């Protein structure tokens, strides 16, 4: 995408149909400010965007955010199931 023929002067926005705007914003925030803005809600689209542009560190950060969130939710579900079983 970046190595192809793109006119020097662009008359409008560049369309990235397969990238979520918030994910692209998170990627730019990471590139320019080394800022983290991954949440459980936006980590997966950000990870897909980072993978497309070969930003392995950001991919790892997003993966860890997703994994941590899933671990917490699974742990909550397991505790709830144990409480239900104790009531029997």
C-alpha atoms as a PDB file:
ATOM      1  CA  UNK A   1       0.000   0.000   0.000  1.00  0.00           C
ATOM      2  CA  UNK A   2       2.735   2.477   0.933  1.00  0.00           C
ATOM      3  CA  UNK A   3       5.115   1.388  -1.810  1.00  0.00           C
ATOM      4  CA  UNK A   4       2.602   1.573  -4.674  1.00  0.00           C
ATOM      5  CA  UNK A   5       1.943   4.450  -7.001  1.00  0.00           C
ATOM      6  CA  UNK A   6       0.076   7.117  -5.084  1.00  0.00           C
ATOM      7  CA  UNK A   7      -0.243  10.608  -6.548  1.00  0.00           C
ATOM      8  CA  UNK A   8       1.722  13.210  -4.633  1.00  0.00           C
ATOM      9  CA  UNK A   9      -1.276  15.483  -4.396  1.00  0.00           C
ATOM     10  CA  UNK A  10      -4.462  13.913  -3.120  1.00  0.00           C
ATOM     11  CA  UNK A  11      -7.765  15.697  -3.598  1.00  0.00           C
ATOM     12  CA  UNK A  12      -9.617  13.824  -0.866  1.00  0.00           C
ATOM     13  CA  UNK A  13      -9.387  11.340   1.947  1.00  0.00           C
ATOM     14  CA  UNK A  14      -7.677   8.010   1.472  1.00  0.00           C
ATOM     15  CA  UNK A  15     -10.145   5.167   1.851  1.00  0.00           C
ATOM     16  CA  UNK A  16      -9.186   2.226   4.081  1.00  0.00           C
ATOM     17  CA  UNK A  17     -12.359   0.111   3.880  1.00  0.00           C
ATOM     18  CA  UNK A  18     -11.037  -2.873   5.845  1.00  0.00           C
ATOM     19  CA  UNK A  19      -9.775  -0.859   8.842  1.00  0.00           C
ATOM     20  CA  UNK A  20     -11.959   0.437  11.664  1.00  0.00           C
ATOM     21  CA  UNK A  21     -11.347   4.186  12.167  1.00  0.00           C
ATOM     22  CA  UNK A  22     -10.852   3.811  15.929  1.00  0.00           C
ATOM     23  CA  UNK A  23      -8.339   1.020  15.390  1.00  0.00           C
ATOM     24  CA  UNK A  24      -6.394   3.153  12.922  1.00  0.00           C
ATOM     25  CA  UNK A  25      -6.430   6.028  15.416  1.00  0.00           C
ATOM     26  CA  UNK A  26      -5.083   3.710  18.139  1.00  0.00           C
ATOM     27  CA  UNK A  27      -2.338   2.550  15.799  1.00  0.00           C
ATOM     28  CA  UNK A  28      -1.325   6.132  14.985  1.00  0.00           C
ATOM     29  CA  UNK A  29      -1.379   7.013  18.693  1.00  0.00           C
ATOM     30  CA  UNK A  30       0.989   4.103  19.324  1.00  0.00           C
ATOM     31  CA  UNK A  31       3.308   5.015  16.417  1.00  0.00           C
ATOM     32  CA  UNK A  32       3.617   8.714  17.188  1.00  0.00           C
ATOM     33  CA  UNK A  33       3.208   8.869  20.980  1.00  0.00           C
ATOM     34  CA  UNK A  34       3.843   5.300  22.196  1.00  0.00           C
ATOM     35  CA  UNK A  35       0.487   5.695  23.913  1.00  0.00           C
ATOM     36  CA  UNK A  36      -1.663   2.759  24.873  1.00  0.00           C
ATOM     37  CA  UNK A  37      -5.392   2.941  24.410  1.00  0.00           C
ATOM     38  CA  UNK A  38      -6.357  -0.714  24.153  1.00  0.00           C
ATOM     39  CA  UNK A  39      -9.593  -1.669  25.837  1.00  0.00           C
ATOM     40  CA  UNK A  40     -11.526  -4.914  25.797  1.00  0.00           C
ATOM     41  CA  UNK A  41     -13.817  -3.349  23.206  1.00  0.00           C
ATOM     42  CA  UNK A  42     -11.237  -2.016  20.725  1.00  0.00           C
ATOM     43  CA  UNK A  43      -8.288  -4.375  21.232  1.00  0.00           C
ATOM     44  CA  UNK A  44      -9.234  -6.839  18.506  1.00  0.00           C
ATOM     45  CA  UNK A  45      -9.768  -4.289  15.695  1.00  0.00           C
ATOM     46  CA  UNK A  46      -6.560  -2.536  16.768  1.00  0.00           C
ATOM     47  CA  UNK A  47      -4.710  -5.861  16.705  1.00  0.00           C
ATOM     48  CA  UNK A  48      -5.968  -6.574  13.161  1.00  0.00           C
ATOM     49  CA  UNK A  49      -4.863  -3.114  12.025  1.00  0.00           C
ATOM     50  CA  UNK A  50      -1.449  -3.462  13.697  1.00  0.00           C
ATOM     51  CA  UNK A  51      -0.978  -6.873  12.120  1.00  0.00           C
ATOM     52  CA  UNK A  52      -1.784  -5.485   8.667  1.00  0.00           C
ATOM     53  CA  UNK A  53       0.921  -2.839   9.064  1.00  0.00           C
ATOM     54  CA  UNK A  54       3.394  -5.251  10.703  1.00  0.00           C
ATOM     55  CA  UNK A  55       3.556  -3.649  14.164  1.00  0.00           C
ATOM     56  CA  UNK A  56       4.306  -6.777  16.178  1.00  0.00           C
ATOM     57  CA  UNK A  57       4.716  -5.018  19.528  1.00  0.00           C
ATOM     58  CA  UNK A  58       1.257  -3.456  19.241  1.00  0.00           C
ATOM     59  CA  UNK A  59      -0.168  -6.817  18.152  1.00  0.00           C
ATOM     60  CA  UNK A  60       1.292  -8.372  21.316  1.00  0.00           C
ATOM     61  CA  UNK A  61      -0.104  -5.595  23.512  1.00  0.00           C
ATOM     62  CA  UNK A  62      -3.575  -6.017  22.033  1.00  0.00           C
ATOM     63  CA  UNK A  63      -3.408  -9.801  22.342  1.00  0.00           C
ATOM     64  CA  UNK A  64      -2.443  -9.483  26.017  1.00  0.00           C
ATOM     65  CA  UNK A  65      -5.341  -7.080  26.597  1.00  0.00           C
ATOM     66  CA  UNK A  66      -7.777  -9.540  24.995  1.00  0.00           C
ATOM     67  CA  UNK A  67      -6.313 -12.508  26.861  1.00  0.00           C
ATOM     68  CA  UNK A  68      -6.448 -10.680  30.211  1.00  0.00           C
ATOM     69  CA  UNK A  69     -10.057  -9.654  29.662  1.00  0.00           C
ATOM     70  CA  UNK A  70     -11.085 -13.196  28.693  1.00  0.00           C
ATOM     71  CA  UNK A  71      -9.260 -14.652  31.688  1.00  0.00           C
ATOM     72  CA  UNK A  72     -11.110 -12.293  34.027  1.00  0.00           C
ATOM     73  CA  UNK A  73     -14.482 -13.109  32.443  1.00  0.00           C
ATOM     74  CA  UNK A  74     -13.811 -16.850  32.540  1.00  0.00           C
ATOM     75  CA  UNK A  75     -12.732 -16.544  36.173  1.00  0.00           C
ATOM     76  CA  UNK A  76     -15.957 -14.668  37.008  1.00  0.00           C
ATOM     77  CA  UNK A  77     -18.017 -17.336  35.246  1.00  0.00           C
ATOM     78  CA  UNK A  78     -16.213 -20.126  37.116  1.00  0.00           C
ATOM     79  CA  UNK A  79     -16.813 -18.438  40.488  1.00  0.00           C
ATOM     80  CA  UNK A  80     -20.498 -17.983  39.636  1.00  0.00           C
ATOM     81  CA  UNK A  81     -20.840 -21.657  38.678  1.00  0.00           C
ATOM     82  CA  UNK A  82     -19.153 -22.686  41.935  1.00  0.00           C
ATOM     83  CA  UNK A  83     -21.588 -20.534  43.928  1.00  0.00           C
ATOM     84  CA  UNK A  84     -24.529 -22.158  42.142  1.00  0.00           C
ATOM     85  CA  UNK A  85     -23.179 -25.630  42.827  1.00  0.00           C
ATOM     86  CA  UNK A  86     -22.708 -24.794  46.520  1.00  0.00           C
ATOM     87  CA  UNK A  87     -26.404 -23.853  46.771  1.00  0.00           C
ATOM     88  CA  UNK A  88     -27.504 -27.326  45.642  1.00  0.00           C
END
